[in-house]
Amino acid sequence: MRLVMSGSLDIDRMKTGLPVRGWNLTSILPEEIEATRDGLTLRATLDELEWSGLSPKDIFGSDADDKKATLMTNVLGLLGK
């Protein structure tokens, strides 16, 4: 699942915030990071977030996975300033 942002992401905020939320940083570059947690992989660049292991039905479907939805919500919480 990919979210394309209309503004720039704060990669430094993601670098510090993801580990606090239990994500393991697997790649750290100046304008891109990758992290894993509970079978999900997250890639963040300056203008998009991409999750592997997560589909829209995991969050919005009738059989939504509460754990996956919570993980996504916690990451999105890092976007606010």
N, C-alpha and C. Protein backbone atom coordinates (compact mmCIF):
# COMPACT_ATOMS: atom_id res chain seq x y z
N MET A 1 0.86 -1.17 0.00
CA MET A 1 0.00 0.00 0.00
C MET A 1 0.90 1.22 0.00
N ARG A 2 0.60 2.18 -0.85
CA ARG A 2 1.43 3.38 -0.97
C ARG A 2 0.58 4.63 -0.78
N LEU A 3 1.10 5.55 0.00
CA LEU A 3 0.48 6.87 0.17
C LEU A 3 1.43 7.92 -0.38
N VAL A 4 0.97 8.68 -1.35
CA VAL A 4 1.77 9.77 -1.90
C VAL A 4 1.32 11.05 -1.20
N MET A 5 2.28 11.76 -0.63
CA MET A 5 1.99 12.92 0.18
C MET A 5 2.00 14.20 -0.68
N SER A 6 1.20 15.18 -0.29
CA SER A 6 1.18 16.45 -1.01
C SER A 6 2.29 17.39 -0.52
N GLY A 7 2.88 17.08 0.62
CA GLY A 7 3.99 17.88 1.15
C GLY A 7 5.12 16.96 1.55
N SER A 8 6.25 17.52 1.92
CA SER A 8 7.40 16.71 2.30
C SER A 8 7.24 16.09 3.68
N LEU A 9 7.70 14.85 3.80
CA LEU A 9 7.74 14.18 5.10
C LEU A 9 8.99 14.63 5.85
N ASP A 10 8.91 14.64 7.15
CA ASP A 10 10.05 14.96 8.00
C ASP A 10 10.77 13.65 8.31
N ILE A 11 11.76 13.30 7.49
CA ILE A 11 12.47 12.03 7.63
C ILE A 11 13.16 11.95 8.99
N ASP A 12 13.71 13.05 9.48
CA ASP A 12 14.36 13.03 10.80
C ASP A 12 13.37 12.67 11.90
N ARG A 13 12.16 13.17 11.80
CA ARG A 13 11.13 12.83 12.79
C ARG A 13 10.76 11.35 12.70
N MET A 14 10.72 10.82 11.48
CA MET A 14 10.43 9.41 11.29
C MET A 14 11.57 8.56 11.88
N LYS A 15 12.83 8.99 11.70
CA LYS A 15 13.98 8.25 12.21
C LYS A 15 13.94 8.11 13.72
N THR A 16 13.50 9.14 14.40
CA THR A 16 13.45 9.07 15.86
C THR A 16 12.14 8.47 16.36
N GLY A 17 11.04 8.73 15.66
CA GLY A 17 9.73 8.29 16.13
C GLY A 17 9.43 6.82 15.90
N LEU A 18 9.90 6.24 14.80
CA LEU A 18 9.60 4.84 14.52
C LEU A 18 10.16 3.89 15.58
N PRO A 19 11.44 4.01 15.98
CA PRO A 19 11.94 3.11 17.01
C PRO A 19 11.18 3.22 18.34
N VAL A 20 10.75 4.42 18.69
CA VAL A 20 9.97 4.60 19.91
C VAL A 20 8.66 3.82 19.83
N ARG A 21 8.14 3.67 18.61
CA ARG A 21 6.89 2.95 18.40
C ARG A 21 7.12 1.46 18.11
N GLY A 22 8.34 0.99 18.32
CA GLY A 22 8.63 -0.43 18.19
C GLY A 22 9.09 -0.90 16.83
N TRP A 23 9.33 0.02 15.89
CA TRP A 23 9.80 -0.36 14.57
C TRP A 23 11.32 -0.51 14.60
N ASN A 24 11.84 -1.46 13.82
CA ASN A 24 13.28 -1.65 13.67
C ASN A 24 13.73 -0.98 12.38
N LEU A 25 14.61 0.00 12.49
CA LEU A 25 15.13 0.66 11.29
C LEU A 25 16.11 -0.27 10.59
N THR A 26 15.86 -0.55 9.32
CA THR A 26 16.71 -1.47 8.56
C THR A 26 17.57 -0.76 7.53
N SER A 27 17.22 0.46 7.17
CA SER A 27 18.01 1.26 6.23
C SER A 27 17.76 2.72 6.54
N ILE A 28 18.84 3.47 6.66
CA ILE A 28 18.73 4.90 6.96
C ILE A 28 19.59 5.67 5.96
N LEU A 29 18.94 6.46 5.13
CA LEU A 29 19.61 7.33 4.18
C LEU A 29 19.11 8.75 4.45
N PRO A 30 19.80 9.77 3.94
CA PRO A 30 19.36 11.15 4.22
C PRO A 30 17.91 11.44 3.81
N GLU A 31 17.43 10.84 2.74
CA GLU A 31 16.08 11.16 2.26
C GLU A 31 15.17 9.93 2.17
N GLU A 32 15.55 8.84 2.84
CA GLU A 32 14.74 7.62 2.80
C GLU A 32 15.11 6.73 3.97
N ILE A 33 14.09 6.11 4.57
CA ILE A 33 14.33 5.11 5.60
C ILE A 33 13.44 3.91 5.34
N GLU A 34 13.87 2.78 5.85
CA GLU A 34 13.06 1.57 5.83
C GLU A 34 13.04 1.01 7.24
N ALA A 35 11.89 0.42 7.59
CA ALA A 35 11.73 -0.14 8.93
C ALA A 35 10.81 -1.35 8.85
N THR A 36 10.94 -2.25 9.84
CA THR A 36 10.08 -3.43 9.91
C THR A 36 9.48 -3.56 11.30
N ARG A 37 8.31 -4.19 11.32
CA ARG A 37 7.67 -4.53 12.59
C ARG A 37 6.53 -5.50 12.31
N ASP A 38 6.49 -6.58 13.06
CA ASP A 38 5.38 -7.54 13.02
C ASP A 38 4.99 -7.97 11.60
N GLY A 39 5.97 -8.26 10.79
CA GLY A 39 5.70 -8.72 9.43
C GLY A 39 5.41 -7.63 8.42
N LEU A 40 5.45 -6.38 8.84
CA LEU A 40 5.24 -5.26 7.93
C LEU A 40 6.58 -4.59 7.62
N THR A 41 6.70 -4.06 6.43
CA THR A 41 7.87 -3.26 6.06
C THR A 41 7.37 -1.89 5.63
N LEU A 42 8.01 -0.87 6.14
CA LEU A 42 7.66 0.51 5.83
C LEU A 42 8.84 1.17 5.15
N ARG A 43 8.57 1.89 4.06
CA ARG A 43 9.58 2.71 3.40
C ARG A 43 9.04 4.12 3.36
N ALA A 44 9.83 5.07 3.83
CA ALA A 44 9.42 6.48 3.82
C ALA A 44 10.46 7.28 3.05
N THR A 45 9.99 8.06 2.08
CA THR A 45 10.83 9.01 1.37
C THR A 45 10.28 10.39 1.65
N LEU A 46 10.83 11.39 1.01
CA LEU A 46 10.36 12.76 1.26
C LEU A 46 8.90 12.96 0.87
N ASP A 47 8.39 12.16 -0.07
CA ASP A 47 7.02 12.43 -0.54
C ASP A 47 6.10 11.21 -0.56
N GLU A 48 6.52 10.08 0.03
CA GLU A 48 5.59 8.95 0.09
C GLU A 48 5.93 7.98 1.20
N LEU A 49 4.89 7.27 1.62
CA LEU A 49 5.01 6.16 2.56
C LEU A 49 4.55 4.91 1.83
N GLU A 50 5.27 3.83 2.00
CA GLU A 50 4.89 2.58 1.36
C GLU A 50 5.00 1.45 2.38
N TRP A 51 3.91 0.67 2.51
CA TRP A 51 3.89 -0.49 3.40
C TRP A 51 3.85 -1.76 2.57
N SER A 52 4.64 -2.74 2.94
CA SER A 52 4.52 -4.08 2.39
C SER A 52 3.93 -4.94 3.50
N GLY A 53 3.02 -5.81 3.13
CA GLY A 53 2.36 -6.65 4.13
C GLY A 53 1.08 -6.03 4.67
N LEU A 54 0.63 -4.96 4.05
CA LEU A 54 -0.58 -4.26 4.49
C LEU A 54 -1.40 -3.89 3.26
N SER A 55 -2.68 -4.20 3.30
CA SER A 55 -3.56 -3.83 2.19
C SER A 55 -4.71 -2.98 2.73
N PRO A 56 -5.39 -2.26 1.86
CA PRO A 56 -6.52 -1.44 2.34
C PRO A 56 -7.57 -2.25 3.10
N LYS A 57 -7.81 -3.51 2.71
CA LYS A 57 -8.83 -4.31 3.41
C LYS A 57 -8.41 -4.61 4.85
N ASP A 58 -7.08 -4.59 5.13
CA ASP A 58 -6.62 -4.79 6.50
C ASP A 58 -7.08 -3.68 7.42
N ILE A 59 -7.38 -2.53 6.86
CA ILE A 59 -7.76 -1.37 7.65
C ILE A 59 -9.23 -1.03 7.48
N PHE A 60 -9.72 -1.10 6.24
CA PHE A 60 -11.06 -0.63 5.94
C PHE A 60 -12.08 -1.73 5.70
N GLY A 61 -11.64 -2.96 5.54
CA GLY A 61 -12.56 -4.05 5.22
C GLY A 61 -13.39 -4.48 6.41
N SER A 62 -14.38 -5.30 6.14
CA SER A 62 -15.26 -5.77 7.22
C SER A 62 -14.51 -6.67 8.20
N ASP A 63 -13.43 -7.28 7.75
CA ASP A 63 -12.61 -8.11 8.64
C ASP A 63 -11.26 -7.44 8.89
N ALA A 64 -11.28 -6.15 9.14
CA ALA A 64 -10.06 -5.36 9.33
C ALA A 64 -9.23 -5.94 10.48
N ASP A 65 -7.92 -5.87 10.32
CA ASP A 65 -6.97 -6.35 11.31
C ASP A 65 -6.62 -5.19 12.24
N ASP A 66 -7.13 -5.23 13.47
CA ASP A 66 -6.92 -4.12 14.41
C ASP A 66 -5.45 -3.84 14.67
N LYS A 67 -4.63 -4.87 14.75
CA LYS A 67 -3.21 -4.67 15.03
C LYS A 67 -2.53 -3.93 13.88
N LYS A 68 -2.81 -4.32 12.63
CA LYS A 68 -2.22 -3.65 11.49
C LYS A 68 -2.72 -2.21 11.38
N ALA A 69 -4.00 -2.00 11.63
CA ALA A 69 -4.56 -0.65 11.58
C ALA A 69 -3.91 0.24 12.63
N THR A 70 -3.65 -0.30 13.81
CA THR A 70 -3.01 0.47 14.87
C THR A 70 -1.58 0.83 14.49
N LEU A 71 -0.84 -0.13 13.90
CA LEU A 71 0.52 0.15 13.46
C LEU A 71 0.54 1.27 12.43
N MET A 72 -0.39 1.23 11.49
CA MET A 72 -0.45 2.28 10.46
C MET A 72 -0.80 3.62 11.09
N THR A 73 -1.75 3.63 11.99
CA THR A 73 -2.18 4.87 12.65
C THR A 73 -1.02 5.49 13.44
N ASN A 74 -0.23 4.65 14.09
CA ASN A 74 0.91 5.16 14.85
C ASN A 74 1.94 5.82 13.93
N VAL A 75 2.16 5.25 12.76
CA VAL A 75 3.10 5.84 11.80
C VAL A 75 2.53 7.16 11.29
N LEU A 76 1.25 7.17 10.95
CA LEU A 76 0.64 8.41 10.45
C LEU A 76 0.67 9.51 11.49
N GLY A 77 0.66 9.15 12.76
CA GLY A 77 0.76 10.13 13.84
C GLY A 77 2.08 10.90 13.82
N LEU A 78 3.10 10.33 13.19
CA LEU A 78 4.38 11.02 13.08
C LEU A 78 4.35 12.14 12.05
N LEU A 79 3.31 12.17 11.22
CA LEU A 79 3.26 13.16 10.16
C LEU A 79 2.83 14.53 10.63
N GLY A 80 2.07 14.59 11.73
CA GLY A 80 1.62 15.88 12.25
C GLY A 80 2.77 16.65 12.84
N LYS A 81 2.66 17.96 12.79
CA LYS A 81 3.75 18.79 13.32
C LYS A 81 3.31 19.56 14.51
